[in-house]
Amino acid sequence: MISILIATRDRSALLAETLGAIAAQASPGCALETIVVDNGSVDDTAAVVAAAAQSSPERVRYLHEARPGKSHALNTAIQHARGDLIVLTDDDVLPSPGWLAAYARTFEDAHVDFAVGRIFPLWEAPPPRWLSPALYGVLAVPDAGAERLPLARHVNEHIMPIGANMAVRRRVIDKIGGWNPDLGKLEGTLRTGEDHEFAMQMLEAGFRGTFEPDAWVRHRVPPDRLRLAYFHRWFHDNGAVGAQLEDRYPTTARYILGVPRHLWRQFGEDVVRVIGRAATLDSRRAAAAWMRAAWFAGYVRARWRRRRAHQSPSRPAAMQRS
């Protein structure tokens, strides 16, 4: 059985289209179920899921998770999922008709523990001139191309599994323990990280995957995410996530002021690029360098905060009166 998991909040209209695209899937040759976890909606999400359950020949289930955060929602879904293959997508994604069938074919190979599909942007406004593919990760529309590729530790690690389009065997999740609720987007932030850490844990544990281009989806990109201010904030918030992950998964043994030495070098190069590309009116490369610098600023700020917290001496006990 395949279990499709979707975490959602207050996007019932988009969710209805996602559920419609799932209902129109070509048969993957096995039973299906869709589990929608409502993470605190105040719109008609429950009614949308109920309508999908009535019209779908496959099982569609509604769950509620009051604790905010995608990690909590997915961990709740896993507790109720019956499939041995778990497929993840989001409530603003439109899977292609052959999406599940492509994943089913991929997992016929017993050596594949997880798979990542292709994601195309569904632009709801013309993309700005400064936006280059180097920044597409912010919009969760990375595209690794049309060729099937192996994924493993030190093998194509630039291809990152993300919740908009990935599949994983249930036993992998059981071993890793699910998604970290300390990471991910919360109210008032644009931080991510839960998918990144999950992927790092899979690779650290020796699991092997595949990039499967035939398992493709389209991901909506609304106009309010196509602003420089949105990108700047996203990179700054996720620099702080990178600092948090550095404690758990060190990238180097060489630090300057608590920050990996190579990041200082990269920051210097990016500052030069911002100035140079701005002078030549190369807005794409200037924007990419500026955003990397914003990420570095968020990273350094978080690392130094964590260092101060760890180095702060405890208050001495009050001296007793003689």
Protein backbone atom coordinates (compact mmCIF):
# COMPACT_ATOMS: atom_id res chain seq x y z
CA MET A 1 0.00 0.00 0.00
CA ILE A 2 1.03 3.61 -0.68
CA SER A 3 0.20 6.23 1.95
CA ILE A 4 0.18 9.84 0.71
CA LEU A 5 0.71 12.39 3.48
CA ILE A 6 -0.28 16.07 3.28
CA ALA A 7 0.07 18.65 6.05
CA THR A 8 -2.18 21.67 5.57
CA ARG A 9 -3.37 24.87 7.18
CA ASP A 10 -5.94 27.34 5.86
CA ARG A 11 -5.48 26.58 2.16
CA SER A 12 -8.64 24.63 1.49
CA ALA A 13 -9.10 25.83 -2.11
CA LEU A 14 -5.58 24.78 -3.06
CA LEU A 15 -5.92 21.55 -1.11
CA ALA A 16 -9.06 20.65 -3.08
CA GLU A 17 -7.07 20.87 -6.33
CA THR A 18 -4.25 18.77 -4.88
CA LEU A 19 -6.70 16.09 -3.77
CA GLY A 20 -8.32 16.21 -7.20
CA ALA A 21 -4.96 15.60 -8.88
CA ILE A 22 -4.32 12.65 -6.56
CA ALA A 23 -7.75 11.18 -7.35
CA ALA A 24 -6.88 11.36 -11.08
CA GLN A 25 -3.66 9.34 -10.72
CA ALA A 26 -2.92 6.43 -13.01
CA SER A 27 -2.98 3.21 -11.04
CA PRO A 28 0.35 2.40 -9.38
CA GLY A 29 -0.70 -1.23 -9.12
CA CYS A 30 -1.44 -1.26 -5.39
CA ALA A 31 -3.88 0.13 -2.84
CA LEU A 32 -3.72 3.83 -1.91
CA GLU A 33 -4.67 6.00 1.01
CA THR A 34 -4.39 9.77 1.46
CA ILE A 35 -3.99 11.23 4.92
CA VAL A 36 -4.55 14.97 5.34
CA VAL A 37 -3.39 16.47 8.64
CA ASP A 38 -5.05 19.78 9.51
CA ASN A 39 -2.52 21.84 11.46
CA GLY A 40 -4.92 24.40 12.91
CA SER A 41 -7.09 25.59 10.01
CA VAL A 42 -10.00 27.94 10.56
CA ASP A 43 -11.34 27.62 7.01
CA ASP A 44 -13.36 24.76 5.48
CA THR A 45 -10.46 22.31 5.23
CA ALA A 46 -12.39 19.56 7.03
CA ALA A 47 -15.30 19.89 4.59
CA VAL A 48 -12.95 19.77 1.59
CA VAL A 49 -11.38 16.55 2.83
CA ALA A 50 -14.81 15.07 3.57
CA ALA A 51 -15.94 15.84 0.02
CA ALA A 52 -12.80 14.24 -1.40
CA ALA A 53 -13.37 11.15 0.72
CA GLN A 54 -16.90 10.82 -0.61
CA SER A 55 -15.91 11.10 -4.27
CA SER A 56 -12.63 9.16 -4.21
CA PRO A 57 -12.52 5.39 -4.78
CA GLU A 58 -9.49 5.27 -2.48
CA ARG A 59 -9.34 5.91 1.25
CA VAL A 60 -9.03 9.60 2.23
CA ARG A 61 -8.64 10.38 5.92
CA TYR A 62 -8.75 13.64 7.89
CA LEU A 63 -6.67 14.12 11.04
CA HIS A 64 -6.23 17.15 13.28
CA GLU A 65 -2.95 18.15 14.91
CA ALA A 66 -3.14 21.16 17.23
CA ARG A 67 0.60 21.51 17.84
CA PRO A 68 1.93 23.98 15.25
CA GLY A 69 4.54 22.89 12.77
CA LYS A 70 4.79 20.58 9.78
CA SER A 71 6.96 18.12 11.72
CA HIS A 72 4.21 17.53 14.29
CA ALA A 73 1.67 17.09 11.48
CA LEU A 74 3.78 14.53 9.59
CA ASN A 75 4.66 12.60 12.72
CA THR A 76 0.94 12.36 13.53
CA ALA A 77 0.21 11.16 9.99
CA ILE A 78 2.87 8.45 10.23
CA GLN A 79 1.22 7.05 13.35
CA HIS A 80 -1.94 6.40 11.32
CA ALA A 81 -0.43 5.48 7.94
CA ARG A 82 -0.92 1.87 6.82
CA GLY A 83 1.33 1.85 3.77
CA ASP A 84 4.83 0.45 3.51
CA LEU A 85 5.64 3.21 1.01
CA ILE A 86 5.13 6.78 2.23
CA VAL A 87 4.75 9.55 -0.36
CA LEU A 88 4.85 13.19 0.69
CA THR A 89 3.49 16.26 -1.03
CA ASP A 90 2.12 19.68 -0.07
CA ASP A 91 -1.29 21.34 -0.24
CA ASP A 92 -0.17 23.74 -3.00
CA VAL A 93 1.22 21.03 -5.31
CA LEU A 94 -0.37 19.46 -8.40
CA PRO A 95 1.05 15.97 -9.04
CA SER A 96 1.24 14.76 -12.64
CA PRO A 97 -1.08 11.86 -13.61
CA GLY A 98 1.78 9.34 -13.62
CA TRP A 99 3.36 10.54 -10.36
CA LEU A 100 2.51 7.57 -8.13
CA ALA A 101 3.05 5.01 -10.88
CA ALA A 102 6.56 6.37 -11.41
CA TYR A 103 7.35 6.04 -7.72
CA ALA A 104 5.92 2.50 -7.65
CA ARG A 105 8.23 1.48 -10.52
CA THR A 106 11.21 3.07 -8.78
CA PHE A 107 10.66 1.11 -5.59
CA GLU A 108 10.52 -2.20 -7.44
CA ASP A 109 14.29 -1.98 -6.97
CA ALA A 110 14.80 -3.43 -3.49
CA HIS A 111 17.96 -1.37 -3.00
CA VAL A 112 16.09 1.96 -3.15
CA ASP A 113 15.15 3.29 0.29
CA PHE A 114 13.88 6.71 -0.77
CA ALA A 115 13.21 8.66 -3.93
CA VAL A 116 12.97 12.29 -4.95
CA GLY A 117 10.86 13.56 -7.82
CA ARG A 118 11.11 16.51 -10.16
CA ILE A 119 9.38 19.81 -9.25
CA PHE A 120 8.34 22.40 -11.82
CA PRO A 121 7.24 25.92 -10.85
CA LEU A 122 3.65 26.94 -11.48
CA TRP A 123 4.15 30.70 -11.66
CA GLU A 124 1.16 32.73 -10.52
CA ALA A 125 2.96 35.92 -11.59
CA PRO A 126 5.85 36.52 -14.00
CA PRO A 127 9.16 35.77 -12.23
CA PRO A 128 11.34 38.86 -11.69
CA ARG A 129 14.46 39.38 -13.77
CA TRP A 130 16.77 38.97 -10.78
CA LEU A 131 15.46 35.46 -10.01
CA SER A 132 17.82 32.73 -11.19
CA PRO A 133 17.65 28.92 -10.78
CA ALA A 134 20.29 29.30 -8.05
CA LEU A 135 17.50 30.71 -5.84
CA TYR A 136 14.75 28.25 -6.77
CA GLY A 137 15.27 26.29 -3.56
CA VAL A 138 13.58 29.11 -1.66
CA LEU A 139 10.42 28.43 -3.66
CA ALA A 140 10.71 24.63 -3.29
CA VAL A 141 10.99 24.18 -7.05
CA PRO A 142 14.44 22.60 -7.49
CA ASP A 143 14.95 20.67 -10.72
CA ALA A 144 17.80 18.18 -11.04
CA GLY A 145 17.09 17.45 -14.69
CA ALA A 146 15.64 14.67 -16.81
CA GLU A 147 18.09 11.87 -15.93
CA ARG A 148 17.58 9.27 -13.19
CA LEU A 149 20.40 9.61 -10.66
CA PRO A 150 21.58 7.62 -7.63
CA LEU A 151 21.47 9.33 -4.23
CA ALA A 152 23.65 8.39 -1.28
CA ARG A 153 26.17 9.88 1.11
CA HIS A 154 28.73 11.78 -0.98
CA VAL A 155 26.77 10.89 -4.13
CA ASN A 156 24.67 13.72 -5.64
CA GLU A 157 24.13 15.27 -2.21
CA HIS A 158 23.13 18.52 -3.93
CA ILE A 159 19.76 16.85 -4.66
CA MET A 160 17.83 17.36 -1.44
CA PRO A 161 14.63 15.43 -0.66
CA ILE A 162 11.87 17.88 0.26
CA GLY A 163 8.31 17.37 1.40
CA ALA A 164 6.74 18.74 -1.78
CA ASN A 165 7.72 15.61 -3.68
CA MET A 166 9.45 12.65 -2.12
CA ALA A 167 8.82 9.00 -1.25
CA VAL A 168 10.38 6.81 1.42
CA ARG A 169 9.95 3.30 2.72
CA ARG A 170 8.14 3.10 6.05
CA ARG A 171 11.01 1.19 7.66
CA VAL A 172 13.33 4.14 7.01
CA ILE A 173 11.06 6.50 8.94
CA ASP A 174 10.70 3.96 11.74
CA LYS A 175 14.48 3.78 12.10
CA ILE A 176 15.09 7.54 11.93
CA GLY A 177 12.17 8.44 14.16
CA GLY A 178 10.28 10.95 12.03
CA TRP A 179 10.69 14.71 11.65
CA ASN A 180 12.27 17.01 14.22
CA PRO A 181 9.63 19.38 15.70
CA ASP A 182 12.37 21.82 16.72
CA LEU A 183 12.85 22.62 13.04
CA GLY A 184 10.49 23.87 10.36
CA LYS A 185 8.30 26.86 9.73
CA LEU A 186 6.41 28.35 12.66
CA GLU A 187 4.19 31.42 12.88
CA GLY A 188 6.21 34.57 12.17
CA THR A 189 9.22 32.81 10.59
CA LEU A 190 10.25 31.48 7.18
CA ARG A 191 12.64 28.90 8.57
CA THR A 192 12.67 25.36 7.22
CA GLY A 193 15.16 22.62 8.05
CA GLU A 194 12.96 19.65 8.96
CA ASP A 195 13.27 18.09 5.49
CA HIS A 196 17.00 18.87 5.37
CA GLU A 197 17.71 17.17 8.67
CA PHE A 198 15.53 14.20 7.74
CA ALA A 199 17.55 13.78 4.54
CA MET A 200 20.84 14.09 6.42
CA GLN A 201 19.72 11.39 8.84
CA MET A 202 18.85 9.05 5.96
CA LEU A 203 22.26 9.52 4.39
CA GLU A 204 24.08 9.20 7.73
CA ALA A 205 22.24 5.91 8.35
CA GLY A 206 23.46 4.56 4.99
CA PHE A 207 20.14 4.60 3.15
CA ARG A 208 20.29 4.94 -0.61
CA GLY A 209 17.88 6.71 -2.92
CA THR A 210 17.07 7.69 -6.48
CA PHE A 211 16.19 10.91 -8.24
CA GLU A 212 13.23 9.89 -10.39
CA PRO A 213 12.40 12.55 -13.02
CA ASP A 214 9.20 10.78 -14.12
CA ALA A 215 7.65 11.39 -10.68
CA TRP A 216 7.05 15.06 -11.35
CA VAL A 217 4.76 17.67 -9.84
CA ARG A 218 4.00 21.35 -10.28
CA HIS A 219 4.38 23.63 -7.26
CA ARG A 220 2.51 26.91 -7.06
CA VAL A 221 4.58 30.06 -6.65
CA PRO A 222 2.36 32.97 -5.51
CA PRO A 223 3.27 36.61 -6.21
CA ASP A 224 4.08 37.45 -2.58
CA ARG A 225 7.01 35.01 -2.69
CA LEU A 226 8.60 36.77 -5.65
CA ARG A 227 9.86 39.79 -3.72
CA LEU A 228 13.43 40.50 -2.69
CA ALA A 229 12.30 41.12 0.89
CA TYR A 230 10.77 37.62 1.07
CA PHE A 231 13.99 36.01 -0.22
CA HIS A 232 16.16 38.06 2.13
CA ARG A 233 14.08 37.06 5.13
CA TRP A 234 14.00 33.39 4.07
CA PHE A 235 17.78 33.22 3.73
CA HIS A 236 18.38 35.01 7.03
CA ASP A 237 15.96 32.73 8.92
CA ASN A 238 17.45 29.62 7.35
CA GLY A 239 20.98 30.72 8.11
CA ALA A 240 19.97 30.33 11.75
CA VAL A 241 18.73 26.81 10.95
CA GLY A 242 22.11 26.04 9.37
CA ALA A 243 23.82 27.15 12.58
CA GLN A 244 21.60 24.80 14.57
CA LEU A 245 22.39 21.88 12.28
CA GLU A 246 26.13 22.59 12.51
CA ASP A 247 26.05 21.49 16.15
CA ARG A 248 24.55 18.13 15.19
CA TYR A 249 26.28 17.58 11.85
CA PRO A 250 29.64 19.44 11.85
CA THR A 251 30.87 20.35 8.37
CA THR A 252 34.48 21.04 9.35
CA ALA A 253 37.02 20.99 12.16
CA ARG A 254 38.26 24.49 11.33
CA TYR A 255 36.38 27.43 12.83
CA ILE A 256 37.02 31.16 13.19
CA LEU A 257 35.00 32.78 15.97
CA GLY A 258 32.75 29.71 16.07
CA VAL A 259 31.97 29.86 12.33
CA PRO A 260 33.42 27.44 9.74
CA ARG A 261 36.42 29.03 8.07
CA HIS A 262 35.15 28.33 4.55
CA LEU A 263 31.98 30.33 5.25
CA TRP A 264 34.01 33.44 6.06
CA ARG A 265 35.82 33.05 2.74
CA GLN A 266 32.52 32.55 0.90
CA PHE A 267 31.07 35.63 2.58
CA GLY A 268 33.99 37.78 1.45
CA GLU A 269 33.63 36.53 -2.10
CA ASP A 270 29.89 37.22 -2.05
CA VAL A 271 30.37 40.80 -0.88
CA VAL A 272 32.75 41.37 -3.78
CA ARG A 273 30.26 39.76 -6.17
CA VAL A 274 27.37 41.92 -4.97
CA ILE A 275 29.38 45.07 -5.60
CA GLY A 276 30.83 43.85 -8.90
CA ARG A 277 27.61 42.47 -10.35
CA ALA A 278 25.64 45.54 -9.30
CA ALA A 279 28.16 47.69 -11.15
CA THR A 280 27.70 45.59 -14.30
CA LEU A 281 23.89 45.45 -13.88
CA ASP A 282 23.98 41.65 -13.58
CA SER A 283 20.94 41.47 -11.29
CA ARG A 284 20.71 37.67 -11.23
CA ARG A 285 24.20 37.02 -9.90
CA ALA A 286 24.08 40.06 -7.63
CA ALA A 287 20.83 38.85 -6.05
CA ALA A 288 22.19 35.32 -5.57
CA ALA A 289 25.32 36.65 -3.86
CA TRP A 290 23.29 39.05 -1.70
CA MET A 291 21.05 36.21 -0.51
CA ARG A 292 24.03 34.04 0.38
CA ALA A 293 25.35 36.96 2.42
CA ALA A 294 21.97 37.24 4.18
CA TRP A 295 22.15 33.52 4.98
CA PHE A 296 25.63 34.02 6.42
CA ALA A 297 24.42 36.91 8.59
CA GLY A 298 21.64 34.75 10.02
CA TYR A 299 24.10 31.89 10.54
CA VAL A 300 26.68 34.01 12.37
CA ARG A 301 24.09 35.68 14.56
CA ALA A 302 22.66 32.31 15.62
CA ARG A 303 26.08 30.71 16.16
CA TRP A 304 27.24 33.56 18.36
CA ARG A 305 24.02 33.48 20.36
CA ARG A 306 24.47 29.76 20.93
CA ARG A 307 28.12 30.24 21.95
CA ARG A 308 27.20 32.94 24.46
CA ALA A 309 24.46 30.73 25.88
CA HIS A 310 26.89 27.84 26.32
CA GLN A 311 29.71 29.97 27.73
CA SER A 312 27.65 32.02 30.19
CA PRO A 313 28.93 31.16 33.68
CA SER A 314 26.34 30.03 36.16
CA ARG A 315 25.67 32.43 38.96
CA PRO A 316 27.68 31.60 42.09
CA ALA A 317 25.69 30.39 45.01
CA ALA A 318 25.00 33.03 47.62
CA MET A 319 27.52 32.97 50.46
CA GLN A 320 26.11 31.79 53.68
CA ARG A 321 26.25 34.16 56.60
CA SER A 322 28.56 33.05 59.37
